Amino acid sequence: MPLYKTITVNEQTSLAIWKVEESEDDLWKGIELTTHCQNRFNGMKSELHRRAFLSIRHLLAKYGYEDVDLVYDEKGKPHLKDGNFISITHSHNFTGIIISTAEEVGIDIEMQRDKILRIANKFTQFEEYRTLANTAAVIRKLTIVWGAKESLYKIYGHKGLSFLHHINVKDFMFDNNKTTAQIIFEGKSSMYGIRFLEFENFTCVYATRDNE
């Protein structure tokens, strides 16, 4: 079972990352899906997506949950029936979940790709990153910023929330592995802690309420 990494964020919050290497048949072992999730699974044309979907159920099992414990609201946001908070992500052959007993949380995994240079002006002030040493560093930083905003969107989830205009990520040093972010939307302001890690040309970013 390629459980790739686990991180204890604090006493109430933990995350786990899976590297999807098994066959679809192997990933089915020990897994039972609800009718809703089985229908979702049946509609997936990509084998990689199906394997990712099943691997997330193995991550749930690590925390004592089954597929039946996971429900989705009308916006597609996942919830746990026991009231704990969860966020889910997948990118290519990596999947991840973050679970908290205390607060809303968000997680995002992204592959570091040149494509992000073309869409950067849609989610951040790209000029801020032109001072970095090389293109690879720009891609790394933009991927972290995008992941932070994706994580925050998963927490906040309000229609009309703009990555560019409503979510501000404070600049950071790579070695710090963390920063903060602010959402200003409809006259309300909220602060969040952002942490990130990089592995195998991927970036994982996760967000929690900033209680420091």
Protein backbone atom coordinates (compact mmCIF):
# COMPACT_ATOMS: atom_id res chain seq x y z
CA MET A 1 0.00 0.00 0.00
CA PRO A 2 1.85 3.12 -1.16
CA LEU A 3 0.83 5.53 1.55
CA TYR A 4 3.29 8.21 0.50
CA LYS A 5 3.28 10.62 3.41
CA THR A 6 1.36 11.60 6.52
CA ILE A 7 1.59 14.92 8.34
CA THR A 8 0.24 15.84 11.74
CA VAL A 9 -0.67 19.51 11.32
CA ASN A 10 -1.81 19.92 14.93
CA GLU A 11 -3.67 17.92 17.58
CA GLN A 12 -6.93 18.20 15.65
CA THR A 13 -5.73 18.02 12.05
CA SER A 14 -3.87 15.46 9.95
CA LEU A 15 -3.29 14.81 6.27
CA ALA A 16 -2.25 11.83 4.19
CA ILE A 17 -0.95 11.50 0.63
CA TRP A 18 -1.18 8.38 -1.54
CA LYS A 19 0.98 7.58 -4.56
CA VAL A 20 -1.26 5.61 -6.91
CA GLU A 21 0.80 2.70 -8.21
CA GLU A 22 -1.55 -0.27 -7.81
CA SER A 23 -3.80 -1.74 -10.43
CA GLU A 24 -7.50 -1.00 -10.34
CA ASP A 25 -8.20 -4.57 -9.22
CA ASP A 26 -5.79 -4.28 -6.30
CA LEU A 27 -7.32 -0.99 -5.22
CA TRP A 28 -10.77 -2.58 -5.06
CA LYS A 29 -9.64 -4.88 -2.23
CA GLY A 30 -11.47 -4.04 0.98
CA ILE A 31 -13.48 -1.22 -0.62
CA GLU A 32 -17.26 -0.95 -0.79
CA LEU A 33 -18.90 2.03 -2.46
CA THR A 34 -22.31 3.55 -1.84
CA THR A 35 -24.72 3.52 -4.76
CA HIS A 36 -24.04 7.23 -5.34
CA CYS A 37 -20.28 6.76 -5.45
CA GLN A 38 -20.53 3.58 -7.50
CA ASN A 39 -22.50 5.53 -10.10
CA ARG A 40 -19.84 8.24 -10.07
CA PHE A 41 -17.16 5.58 -10.48
CA ASN A 42 -18.99 3.92 -13.36
CA GLY A 43 -19.08 7.26 -15.21
CA MET A 44 -15.31 7.71 -15.10
CA LYS A 45 -13.75 6.98 -18.49
CA SER A 46 -10.16 7.43 -17.29
CA GLU A 47 -8.57 4.48 -15.53
CA LEU A 48 -6.27 6.90 -13.68
CA HIS A 49 -9.31 8.75 -12.32
CA ARG A 50 -10.90 5.50 -11.20
CA ARG A 51 -7.71 4.40 -9.45
CA ALA A 52 -7.40 7.81 -7.79
CA PHE A 53 -11.02 7.59 -6.63
CA LEU A 54 -10.39 4.20 -5.03
CA SER A 55 -7.10 5.29 -3.45
CA ILE A 56 -8.94 8.09 -1.64
CA ARG A 57 -11.16 5.42 -0.05
CA HIS A 58 -7.98 3.76 1.26
CA LEU A 59 -6.90 7.11 2.71
CA LEU A 60 -10.29 7.39 4.41
CA ALA A 61 -9.77 3.93 5.90
CA LYS A 62 -6.54 5.12 7.48
CA TYR A 63 -8.68 7.44 9.62
CA GLY A 64 -11.32 4.83 10.35
CA TYR A 65 -13.83 5.92 7.70
CA GLU A 66 -15.63 4.04 4.93
CA ASP A 67 -17.17 5.37 1.75
CA VAL A 68 -20.56 5.43 3.45
CA ASP A 69 -19.21 8.01 5.94
CA LEU A 70 -18.54 10.48 3.13
CA VAL A 71 -21.32 12.66 1.74
CA TYR A 72 -21.37 15.51 -0.77
CA ASP A 73 -23.49 18.65 -0.64
CA GLU A 74 -25.23 20.32 -3.57
CA LYS A 75 -22.00 22.14 -4.47
CA GLY A 76 -20.04 18.90 -4.57
CA LYS A 77 -18.17 19.67 -1.36
CA PRO A 78 -17.33 16.56 0.70
CA HIS A 79 -18.42 16.20 4.32
CA LEU A 80 -18.04 13.51 6.96
CA LYS A 81 -21.21 12.29 8.63
CA ASP A 82 -19.69 12.53 12.11
CA GLY A 83 -19.22 16.28 11.73
CA ASN A 84 -15.45 16.26 11.26
CA PHE A 85 -14.08 18.34 8.41
CA ILE A 86 -12.47 16.95 5.27
CA SER A 87 -10.95 18.13 2.02
CA ILE A 88 -9.87 15.92 -0.88
CA THR A 89 -7.50 16.37 -3.82
CA HIS A 90 -5.97 14.39 -6.66
CA SER A 91 -3.49 15.18 -9.41
CA HIS A 92 -2.22 12.55 -11.84
CA ASN A 93 -0.86 9.71 -9.67
CA PHE A 94 -1.10 11.46 -6.30
CA THR A 95 -4.15 11.82 -4.07
CA GLY A 96 -4.55 13.40 -0.66
CA ILE A 97 -6.98 14.14 2.12
CA ILE A 98 -6.87 16.41 5.15
CA ILE A 99 -9.17 15.82 8.13
CA SER A 100 -9.79 18.03 11.14
CA THR A 101 -11.97 17.58 14.21
CA ALA A 102 -11.97 21.32 14.88
CA GLU A 103 -12.13 23.48 11.76
CA GLU A 104 -12.69 23.75 8.03
CA VAL A 105 -9.60 22.70 6.07
CA GLY A 106 -8.54 22.66 2.42
CA ILE A 107 -5.92 20.75 0.45
CA ASP A 108 -4.66 20.81 -3.13
CA ILE A 109 -2.00 18.85 -5.02
CA GLU A 110 -0.71 20.17 -8.34
CA MET A 111 1.93 19.07 -10.82
CA GLN A 112 4.55 21.76 -11.44
CA ARG A 113 4.07 22.60 -15.14
CA ASP A 114 4.86 25.41 -17.59
CA LYS A 115 1.13 25.78 -18.21
CA ILE A 116 0.79 27.84 -15.05
CA LEU A 117 2.80 30.65 -16.64
CA ARG A 118 0.04 31.11 -19.22
CA ILE A 119 -2.78 31.37 -16.71
CA ALA A 120 -0.96 33.23 -13.91
CA ASN A 121 -2.58 36.61 -14.63
CA LYS A 122 -5.99 35.03 -14.01
CA PHE A 123 -5.26 34.32 -10.35
CA THR A 124 -2.39 36.57 -9.19
CA GLN A 125 -0.41 39.71 -9.96
CA PHE A 126 2.20 37.98 -12.12
CA GLU A 127 4.62 40.94 -12.01
CA GLU A 128 5.34 40.12 -8.36
CA TYR A 129 7.24 37.00 -9.40
CA ARG A 130 9.43 38.33 -12.20
CA THR A 131 12.32 38.96 -9.78
CA LEU A 132 12.81 35.25 -9.13
CA ALA A 133 16.06 33.68 -10.29
CA ASN A 134 14.75 31.51 -13.12
CA THR A 135 11.64 30.15 -14.80
CA ALA A 136 11.68 26.99 -12.68
CA ALA A 137 11.47 29.10 -9.52
CA VAL A 138 8.58 31.11 -10.97
CA ILE A 139 6.70 27.91 -11.78
CA ARG A 140 7.29 26.59 -8.26
CA LYS A 141 6.05 29.78 -6.62
CA LEU A 142 3.02 30.17 -8.88
CA THR A 143 2.06 26.55 -8.24
CA ILE A 144 2.16 27.16 -4.49
CA VAL A 145 0.04 30.31 -4.85
CA TRP A 146 -2.48 28.50 -7.06
CA GLY A 147 -2.62 25.57 -4.63
CA ALA A 148 -3.17 27.96 -1.73
CA LYS A 149 -6.06 29.64 -3.50
CA GLU A 150 -7.58 26.29 -4.50
CA SER A 151 -7.36 25.12 -0.89
CA LEU A 152 -9.01 28.30 0.35
CA TYR A 153 -11.75 28.09 -2.26
CA LYS A 154 -12.53 24.58 -1.02
CA ILE A 155 -12.91 25.96 2.49
CA TYR A 156 -14.85 29.09 1.63
CA GLY A 157 -16.86 27.78 -1.29
CA HIS A 158 -18.92 30.91 -2.02
CA LYS A 159 -20.16 31.50 -5.55
CA GLY A 160 -18.48 34.56 -7.02
CA LEU A 161 -15.29 34.26 -4.97
CA SER A 162 -12.46 35.39 -7.27
CA PHE A 163 -8.95 33.94 -7.02
CA LEU A 164 -7.55 37.19 -8.41
CA HIS A 165 -9.62 39.79 -6.58
CA HIS A 166 -10.70 38.22 -3.29
CA ILE A 167 -7.87 35.90 -2.16
CA ASN A 168 -4.50 37.39 -1.24
CA VAL A 169 -1.52 35.15 -0.49
CA LYS A 170 1.33 36.81 1.38
CA ASP A 171 4.74 36.43 -0.27
CA PHE A 172 6.98 33.75 1.17
CA MET A 173 10.37 32.05 1.01
CA PHE A 174 10.49 28.48 -0.27
CA ASP A 175 12.48 27.30 2.76
CA ASN A 176 9.83 28.51 5.20
CA ASN A 177 7.24 26.09 3.79
CA LYS A 178 4.44 28.31 5.02
CA THR A 179 2.73 31.66 4.62
CA THR A 180 -0.62 33.30 5.36
CA ALA A 181 -3.55 34.32 3.20
CA GLN A 182 -6.52 36.62 3.50
CA ILE A 183 -9.96 36.39 1.95
CA ILE A 184 -11.85 39.66 1.59
CA PHE A 185 -15.31 39.00 0.21
CA GLU A 186 -18.67 40.71 0.55
CA GLY A 187 -17.33 43.03 3.24
CA LYS A 188 -15.91 40.26 5.41
CA SER A 189 -12.25 39.43 6.05
CA SER A 190 -10.77 36.13 7.25
CA MET A 191 -7.17 34.96 7.73
CA TYR A 192 -5.73 31.51 7.05
CA GLY A 193 -2.49 29.67 7.58
CA ILE A 194 -0.95 28.14 4.45
CA ARG A 195 1.62 25.35 4.44
CA PHE A 196 3.20 23.57 1.51
CA LEU A 197 5.57 20.77 0.54
CA GLU A 198 7.14 19.72 -2.75
CA PHE A 199 7.90 16.20 -3.97
CA GLU A 200 8.57 14.48 -7.30
CA ASN A 201 7.71 17.62 -9.30
CA PHE A 202 4.41 18.03 -7.42
CA THR A 203 3.28 20.60 -4.86
CA CYS A 204 0.87 19.98 -2.00
CA VAL A 205 -0.65 22.99 -0.28
CA TYR A 206 -3.03 22.91 2.68
CA ALA A 207 -4.92 25.64 4.48
CA THR A 208 -6.32 26.08 7.97
CA ARG A 209 -7.71 28.99 9.92
CA ASP A 210 -4.87 31.22 11.07
CA ASN A 211 -5.00 30.97 14.85
CA GLU A 212 -1.47 32.25 15.52
